[in-house]
Amino acid sequence: MKVAYISRSTLFSSPGGDTKQIELTAHYMRQLGVQVDIKLSNEPVDYQQYDLLHFFNIIRPADLLHHAEASGKPFVISTIFLDYGGYEKKNREGLGRFLNTFFSEDSIEYLKVIARFLKNGEKIISPSYLWHGHRKSVKRLIRQAKVLLPNSLNEYRRLVDKYRMENTCMVIPNAIDPAMYYSTTKVLEEYKDTVICVARIEGRKNQLNLVRAMKDAPYQLVILGLPSPNNIGYYNRCKAEATANVKFVSRVSEEELYQMFNSAKVHVLPSFFETTGLASLEAAVMGCNVVITDKGDTEEYFEDYAFYCNPEDPASIRAAIDQAMAAPFTEGLRQKILNNYTWEITAAKTLEAYKLALQQ
């Protein structure tokens, strides 16, 4: 079986959780004998050499619709269905907040596609997206997909609620790399017993409120990540408001990342929305207590093992961090992750979905 993975053109230039999901899924699928090529949405694809296409990020149909229509091939979609509507209306600043007062979420997504083309030169590769619009384009992908692959059942329910459409669904969990877990034993003294946040730096990930929550806290906060292209100003605000106990780290290797997790006491991800919080899974398996947003699908993964915070309230974030710093690590969370959320398990379930798609 040969499969093409197709995702946004900025997958590697502006990496995020979807980048890791795609790369590690591909790695473990290859171990199962599936040939996988990763393609950016703006690259030409020789469809005839593939049995199946695997799309990622249904909230970016302008990247996918052309390939769905031109290929004639069956496809599945890892939906990664984020819902930042509440953030856009309540927390976005400037023109973005003004537009969200008057336009629907789907209309705003449509305007973002136009803006990315005009500002960043991101080519709109699906001309039909322009006349179908965002909502109809998402619905066309839902209807035509052989199988939808959300990261949780709650994610699928949100998608159905919003677009009033159902299709065959298989939950494919986000995961950790067990090889990195079993090989990482080193403790980095400079990160020992710190609070760490690993995420792309942008308003939706909420590092600014995290910086405010940690103002003059008795422990160090390490923020690891790069700003997305449209969030340089936000990144600079985070640095400007940071007190002496906050350290910014741009990039580390995968090995050093797991060593940082192995050293830290708490990982915090106070996003305005998360389907999973991939970095939180990785941190938790390495022994970090997890502070995570209460917005999204996080409870399906972390249940009562995590410390939940309201991302809009720095005091709530600080209180959850203080609790997590004072609490012992719960081994039950690590075992849950190792038993249910490894990329080997994800690959096996994904292969089942491919077989189902090809049978249909």
Foldseek 3Di string as FASTA:
>chain_A
DEEEEEEAQCCPVAPFPVVVVVVLLCVLLVVVVYHYDYDYLPDDDPLVVGQEYEYEALQPLLSPLCCLVPNPHAYEYAHQDWDCLVCQCPPDDDPSNVVSVPDDPQQSSQVVVVVCCVPVVRDRPRVVCVVCGRLSSSVVCQVRHLEYEYQDPVSQVVVCVVNVDHHHYDYQHAAAAVVLLVPADAADVVLAAAEEEEGADAVQQQLQLQQVLCAVPPHAYEYEEHHDPVCPVVVVNSVVSHDPRYHYHHDDDPNVLLNSLLRYAEYEGQGQEGQARNSQNSSLLSFHAYEYEPHHNHCVLCPPRHQYAHSVHSNRRNVSVVVSSPDGHDVVSNVSRVVQHHSNNSNVSVVVVVVSSSVD
